[in-house]
Amino acid sequence: MLSSSKLWSILLLSLFAFTLITASEGNFYENFDITWGGNQRAKILNGGQLLTLSLDKASGSGFRSTHEYLFGRIDMQIKLVPGNSAGTVTTYYLSSEGPSHDEIDFEFLGNLSGDPYILHTNVYSQGKGNREQQFYLWFDPTKAFHTYSIVWNRQRIIFMVDNIPIRVFNNMESIGVPFPKNQPMRIYSSLWNADDWATRGGLVKTDWTHAPFTASYRNFNANACIWSSSQLSCASKSTNSLQTNAWQDQTLNAPGRNRLRWAQKKFMIYNYCTDFKRFPQGLPPECKRSRFL
């Protein structure tokens, strides 16, 4: 039988190991790689707790996750480029690789000082997108950090801003609509110049006198299934030890549906499912099946 002193030592070691594990979760050094722009434009700061991306006339910058995920809830807090951000695009998305890739997009389209950002969302399945919805935000996303979340399970994809659902893309394979479910995806983010289309269809160009443009990231959480060597591990990678795997069958309850209606009624500025001019032969089939897309 172990003595009380030995049991106490084991307990302390276990507690110390758990502390090390939870403290490392969400660390940008451990969870992400800088993919372009170099260390002068993409910087990991504060011991791995903060990441900044910058754009100047020579180059933008970006990063991606070290892990691939197949279903989960991904949260990231982002503070966007302040001031005159016209022509710039800040992205945060999940994507697989190859011509038949899957992708779940948040893109933030910059604008002139005083004009609102446009939040552009899209879903690609087997290489096919064209499922855009765009929103204004109900706050200034440059003044403080806000949380942007993707919930992805076998039944649906939910886009959330500060835990408020703004969009749901349901699995409608039963009527022939492809749904991302077989390809593991990495998390990507970038800040780049897109002044040929990003602001007012390219009419407003990037004003390089305001460069460098900088966006900031913190408090990454991935409560998700990690894909590695064709094997799937669904242990939680969340910084919140009390968080469960509720995302695996997450749907919207009545209050969630009310918040979704509020966001879409007040802040949606484009919906592919109502663009009859774009689809003169008829709207995509998913548009006819669900009110909440």
Protein backbone atom coordinates (compact mmCIF):
# COMPACT_ATOMS: atom_id res chain seq x y z
CA MET A 1 0.00 0.00 0.00
CA LEU A 2 1.28 3.49 -0.86
CA SER A 3 2.03 5.81 2.03
CA SER A 4 0.11 9.08 2.35
CA SER A 5 3.28 11.03 1.43
CA LYS A 6 3.71 9.03 -1.78
CA LEU A 7 0.04 9.48 -2.68
CA TRP A 8 0.38 13.22 -2.10
CA SER A 9 3.47 13.32 -4.33
CA ILE A 10 1.64 11.47 -7.12
CA LEU A 11 -1.32 13.84 -6.81
CA LEU A 12 0.95 16.88 -7.06
CA LEU A 13 2.74 15.45 -10.12
CA SER A 14 -0.60 14.69 -11.79
CA LEU A 15 -1.89 18.19 -11.07
CA PHE A 16 1.35 19.71 -12.43
CA ALA A 17 1.11 17.62 -15.63
CA PHE A 18 -2.53 18.66 -16.14
CA THR A 19 -1.57 22.30 -15.65
CA LEU A 20 1.15 22.01 -18.28
CA ILE A 21 -1.26 20.43 -20.76
CA THR A 22 -4.06 22.97 -20.32
CA ALA A 23 -1.67 25.93 -20.30
CA SER A 24 -0.21 24.88 -23.63
CA GLU A 25 -3.56 24.60 -25.37
CA GLY A 26 -4.35 27.60 -27.57
CA ASN A 27 -0.67 28.47 -27.86
CA PHE A 28 0.16 29.77 -31.34
CA TYR A 29 3.71 28.42 -31.20
CA GLU A 30 2.37 24.91 -30.68
CA ASN A 31 -0.75 24.96 -32.85
CA PHE A 32 0.18 27.03 -35.92
CA ASP A 33 2.87 27.54 -38.54
CA ILE A 34 3.62 30.81 -40.33
CA THR A 35 3.10 30.01 -44.01
CA TRP A 36 3.98 33.24 -45.79
CA GLY A 37 4.98 36.84 -45.23
CA GLY A 38 7.98 36.04 -43.07
CA ASN A 39 8.58 36.75 -39.41
CA GLN A 40 8.65 40.48 -40.06
CA ARG A 41 4.94 40.43 -41.04
CA ALA A 42 3.58 37.44 -39.12
CA LYS A 43 4.54 37.62 -35.45
CA ILE A 44 3.79 35.37 -32.49
CA LEU A 45 3.94 37.38 -29.27
CA ASN A 46 3.31 37.17 -25.52
CA GLY A 47 4.70 33.66 -25.16
CA GLY A 48 2.46 32.32 -27.92
CA GLN A 49 -0.78 33.88 -26.70
CA LEU A 50 -1.05 36.54 -29.44
CA LEU A 51 -0.46 36.45 -33.20
CA THR A 52 -0.43 39.44 -35.56
CA LEU A 53 -0.54 39.50 -39.35
CA SER A 54 0.57 42.52 -41.36
CA LEU A 55 0.20 43.67 -44.95
CA ASP A 56 2.43 46.14 -46.75
CA LYS A 57 2.86 46.93 -50.43
CA ALA A 58 5.40 44.13 -50.86
CA SER A 59 3.46 41.27 -49.27
CA GLY A 60 0.70 40.08 -47.00
CA SER A 61 1.05 37.23 -44.49
CA GLY A 62 -0.66 34.11 -43.25
CA PHE A 63 -0.60 31.06 -41.01
CA ARG A 64 -2.16 27.61 -40.80
CA SER A 65 -2.78 25.01 -38.11
CA THR A 66 -0.35 22.18 -37.54
CA HIS A 67 -3.29 19.79 -37.14
CA GLU A 68 -5.98 18.73 -39.57
CA TYR A 69 -9.51 18.44 -38.20
CA LEU A 70 -12.53 16.39 -39.21
CA PHE A 71 -15.49 17.95 -37.37
CA GLY A 72 -15.38 20.13 -34.29
CA ARG A 73 -15.88 23.58 -32.89
CA ILE A 74 -13.19 26.12 -33.75
CA ASP A 75 -13.06 29.49 -31.96
CA MET A 76 -10.75 32.41 -32.64
CA GLN A 77 -10.74 35.93 -31.26
CA ILE A 78 -9.80 38.49 -33.91
CA LYS A 79 -9.31 42.26 -33.93
CA LEU A 80 -9.42 43.56 -37.49
CA VAL A 81 -7.39 46.20 -39.32
CA PRO A 82 -8.43 49.65 -37.99
CA GLY A 83 -8.95 52.88 -39.90
CA ASN A 84 -8.92 52.91 -43.68
CA SER A 85 -8.81 49.19 -44.50
CA ALA A 86 -10.22 49.51 -48.03
CA GLY A 87 -8.83 46.91 -50.42
CA THR A 88 -7.68 44.54 -47.66
CA VAL A 89 -9.11 41.13 -46.85
CA THR A 90 -8.61 39.30 -43.56
CA THR A 91 -9.49 35.61 -43.77
CA TYR A 92 -10.16 32.89 -41.20
CA TYR A 93 -11.33 29.57 -42.59
CA LEU A 94 -11.12 25.79 -42.69
CA SER A 95 -9.92 24.11 -45.89
CA SER A 96 -8.76 20.79 -47.23
CA GLU A 97 -6.41 20.51 -50.20
CA GLY A 98 -6.80 19.67 -53.87
CA PRO A 99 -9.16 20.66 -56.71
CA SER A 100 -12.13 18.96 -55.03
CA HIS A 101 -11.46 20.59 -51.69
CA ASP A 102 -13.93 21.45 -48.94
CA GLU A 103 -13.86 24.88 -47.30
CA ILE A 104 -15.74 26.86 -44.63
CA ASP A 105 -15.04 30.59 -44.87
CA PHE A 106 -15.03 33.74 -42.81
CA GLU A 107 -13.65 36.65 -44.85
CA PHE A 108 -13.60 40.25 -43.64
CA LEU A 109 -13.68 42.82 -46.45
CA GLY A 110 -12.10 46.14 -45.50
CA ASN A 111 -13.60 49.54 -46.14
CA LEU A 112 -13.00 53.25 -45.92
CA SER A 113 -12.76 54.80 -42.46
CA GLY A 114 -16.23 55.13 -40.99
CA ASP A 115 -17.81 52.55 -43.30
CA PRO A 116 -18.56 49.08 -41.95
CA TYR A 117 -16.62 45.92 -42.64
CA ILE A 118 -18.43 43.26 -44.66
CA LEU A 119 -18.32 39.73 -43.26
CA HIS A 120 -18.34 37.33 -46.21
CA THR A 121 -19.19 33.64 -45.59
CA ASN A 122 -19.08 30.68 -47.97
CA VAL A 123 -19.17 26.88 -47.97
CA TYR A 124 -17.34 24.74 -50.51
CA SER A 125 -18.17 21.06 -50.99
CA GLN A 126 -16.07 18.91 -53.33
CA GLY A 127 -14.59 22.00 -54.95
CA LYS A 128 -17.90 23.80 -55.51
CA GLY A 129 -18.72 27.00 -53.66
CA ASN A 130 -21.02 29.81 -54.80
CA ARG A 131 -22.88 29.76 -51.49
CA GLU A 132 -22.10 33.27 -50.32
CA GLN A 133 -23.85 35.17 -47.57
CA GLN A 134 -22.65 38.59 -46.43
CA PHE A 135 -23.30 40.56 -43.26
CA TYR A 136 -22.56 43.82 -41.58
CA LEU A 137 -21.52 43.46 -37.94
CA TRP A 138 -23.38 45.04 -35.03
CA PHE A 139 -20.13 46.38 -33.52
CA ASP A 140 -16.84 47.88 -34.64
CA PRO A 141 -14.57 44.83 -35.14
CA THR A 142 -11.44 46.99 -35.01
CA LYS A 143 -11.89 48.36 -31.47
CA ALA A 144 -11.70 45.10 -29.54
CA PHE A 145 -11.35 41.34 -29.97
CA HIS A 146 -14.48 39.39 -30.93
CA THR A 147 -14.97 35.64 -31.15
CA TYR A 148 -15.66 34.01 -34.52
CA SER A 149 -16.68 30.34 -34.36
CA ILE A 150 -17.29 27.47 -36.74
CA VAL A 151 -19.30 24.48 -35.50
CA TRP A 152 -18.96 21.60 -37.95
CA ASN A 153 -20.58 18.23 -37.43
CA ARG A 154 -22.16 15.59 -39.66
CA GLN A 155 -25.54 17.31 -39.64
CA ARG A 156 -24.72 20.99 -40.14
CA ILE A 157 -22.27 23.88 -40.14
CA ILE A 158 -23.01 26.83 -37.87
CA PHE A 159 -21.25 30.20 -38.25
CA MET A 160 -21.22 32.23 -35.02
CA VAL A 161 -20.07 35.69 -33.98
CA ASP A 162 -19.67 36.20 -30.22
CA ASN A 163 -21.71 33.00 -29.82
CA ILE A 164 -24.60 34.42 -31.87
CA PRO A 165 -25.44 32.20 -34.86
CA ILE A 166 -25.53 34.12 -38.13
CA ARG A 167 -25.71 31.24 -40.60
CA VAL A 168 -26.53 27.53 -40.73
CA PHE A 169 -25.66 25.23 -43.64
CA ASN A 170 -27.46 21.93 -43.18
CA ASN A 171 -26.46 18.53 -44.54
CA MET A 172 -28.85 17.98 -47.45
CA GLU A 173 -27.12 15.08 -49.17
CA SER A 174 -30.55 13.44 -49.30
CA ILE A 175 -31.50 15.88 -52.09
CA GLY A 176 -28.13 15.76 -53.84
CA VAL A 177 -26.34 18.67 -52.17
CA PRO A 178 -22.70 17.80 -51.34
CA PHE A 179 -21.69 18.32 -47.71
CA PRO A 180 -18.16 18.52 -46.26
CA LYS A 181 -17.75 15.34 -44.25
CA ASN A 182 -14.90 13.21 -45.63
CA GLN A 183 -11.93 15.55 -46.03
CA PRO A 184 -9.96 16.72 -42.99
CA MET A 185 -9.30 20.46 -42.99
CA ARG A 186 -6.71 22.79 -41.52
CA ILE A 187 -7.37 26.22 -40.06
CA TYR A 188 -5.99 29.02 -42.22
CA SER A 189 -5.81 32.77 -41.84
CA SER A 190 -4.31 35.51 -43.96
CA LEU A 191 -4.21 39.25 -44.53
CA TRP A 192 -3.77 40.26 -48.16
CA ASN A 193 -4.42 42.90 -50.78
CA ALA A 194 -7.55 42.32 -52.88
CA ASP A 195 -8.30 45.82 -54.08
CA ASP A 196 -9.37 44.50 -57.47
CA TRP A 197 -12.64 43.30 -55.88
CA ALA A 198 -12.80 43.61 -52.08
CA THR A 199 -14.20 47.12 -51.59
CA ARG A 200 -17.14 48.26 -53.68
CA GLY A 201 -16.29 45.77 -56.38
CA GLY A 202 -12.76 47.10 -56.75
CA LEU A 203 -13.72 50.76 -57.16
CA VAL A 204 -11.89 51.72 -53.96
CA LYS A 205 -8.19 50.84 -53.96
CA THR A 206 -5.81 50.21 -51.10
CA ASP A 207 -4.25 53.40 -49.74
CA TRP A 208 -0.68 52.31 -49.06
CA THR A 209 0.06 55.47 -47.07
CA HIS A 210 -1.75 53.69 -44.22
CA ALA A 211 0.45 50.58 -44.40
CA PRO A 212 1.35 48.41 -42.67
CA PHE A 213 -2.15 47.08 -42.01
CA THR A 214 -2.36 44.75 -39.01
CA ALA A 215 -4.89 42.23 -37.69
CA SER A 216 -4.53 40.45 -34.34
CA TYR A 217 -5.51 36.98 -33.11
CA ARG A 218 -5.78 35.43 -29.65
CA ASN A 219 -7.63 32.79 -27.56
CA PHE A 220 -7.71 30.01 -30.14
CA ASN A 221 -9.79 26.99 -29.11
CA ALA A 222 -10.24 23.74 -31.00
CA ASN A 223 -12.69 21.35 -29.41
CA ALA A 224 -12.43 19.03 -32.36
CA CYS A 225 -11.41 15.69 -33.86
CA ILE A 226 -7.78 15.67 -34.97
CA TRP A 227 -6.91 13.73 -38.12
CA SER A 228 -3.48 12.12 -38.12
CA SER A 229 -2.16 9.34 -40.38
CA SER A 230 -5.69 8.32 -41.38
CA GLN A 231 -6.73 8.06 -37.75
CA LEU A 232 -9.19 10.27 -35.90
CA SER A 233 -8.80 11.45 -32.31
CA CYS A 234 -11.70 13.35 -30.82
CA ALA A 235 -10.17 14.32 -27.47
CA SER A 236 -10.97 17.91 -26.57
CA LYS A 237 -8.29 20.49 -27.34
CA SER A 238 -10.20 23.28 -25.67
CA THR A 239 -8.61 25.66 -23.18
CA ASN A 240 -11.83 25.33 -21.17
CA SER A 241 -11.62 22.04 -19.28
CA LEU A 242 -15.37 22.19 -18.56
CA GLN A 243 -16.32 22.42 -22.24
CA THR A 244 -18.01 19.28 -23.54
CA ASN A 245 -18.33 17.79 -26.98
CA ALA A 246 -21.79 19.31 -27.42
CA TRP A 247 -20.75 20.39 -30.92
CA GLN A 248 -21.03 16.78 -32.15
CA ASP A 249 -24.81 17.05 -32.43
CA GLN A 250 -25.23 20.79 -31.90
CA THR A 251 -28.30 22.38 -33.40
CA LEU A 252 -30.22 25.59 -32.70
CA ASN A 253 -32.78 25.67 -29.92
CA ALA A 254 -35.60 28.24 -29.88
CA PRO A 255 -33.45 31.09 -28.46
CA GLY A 256 -30.72 30.23 -30.99
CA ARG A 257 -33.21 30.37 -33.86
CA ASN A 258 -34.42 33.73 -32.59
CA ARG A 259 -30.86 35.08 -32.53
CA LEU A 260 -30.29 33.74 -36.05
CA ARG A 261 -33.44 35.47 -37.30
CA TRP A 262 -32.31 38.70 -35.63
CA ALA A 263 -28.85 38.56 -37.23
CA GLN A 264 -30.17 37.71 -40.69
CA LYS A 265 -33.00 40.25 -40.61
CA LYS A 266 -30.93 43.14 -39.28
CA PHE A 267 -27.47 42.56 -40.73
CA MET A 268 -27.54 40.27 -43.78
CA ILE A 269 -26.80 42.25 -46.94
CA TYR A 270 -26.46 39.42 -49.48
CA ASN A 271 -27.90 35.91 -49.69
CA TYR A 272 -27.24 33.67 -52.68
CA CYS A 273 -30.54 31.96 -51.93
CA THR A 274 -32.47 35.08 -52.93
CA ASP A 275 -30.36 36.03 -55.95
CA PHE A 276 -32.72 35.08 -58.78
CA LYS A 277 -30.70 37.05 -61.34
CA ARG A 278 -27.65 34.97 -60.58
CA PHE A 279 -29.59 31.70 -60.90
CA PRO A 280 -32.07 32.31 -63.74
CA GLN A 281 -32.59 28.56 -64.17
CA GLY A 282 -33.65 28.20 -60.55
CA LEU A 283 -32.16 28.57 -57.10
CA PRO A 284 -29.83 25.87 -55.74
CA PRO A 285 -31.84 23.00 -54.23
CA GLU A 286 -30.79 23.71 -50.64
CA CYS A 287 -32.37 27.15 -50.89
CA LYS A 288 -35.81 25.62 -51.30
CA ARG A 289 -35.58 23.27 -48.36
CA SER A 290 -34.58 25.33 -45.34
CA ARG A 291 -35.26 28.83 -44.05
CA PHE A 292 -31.99 28.84 -42.14
CA LEU A 293 -28.99 28.65 -44.46
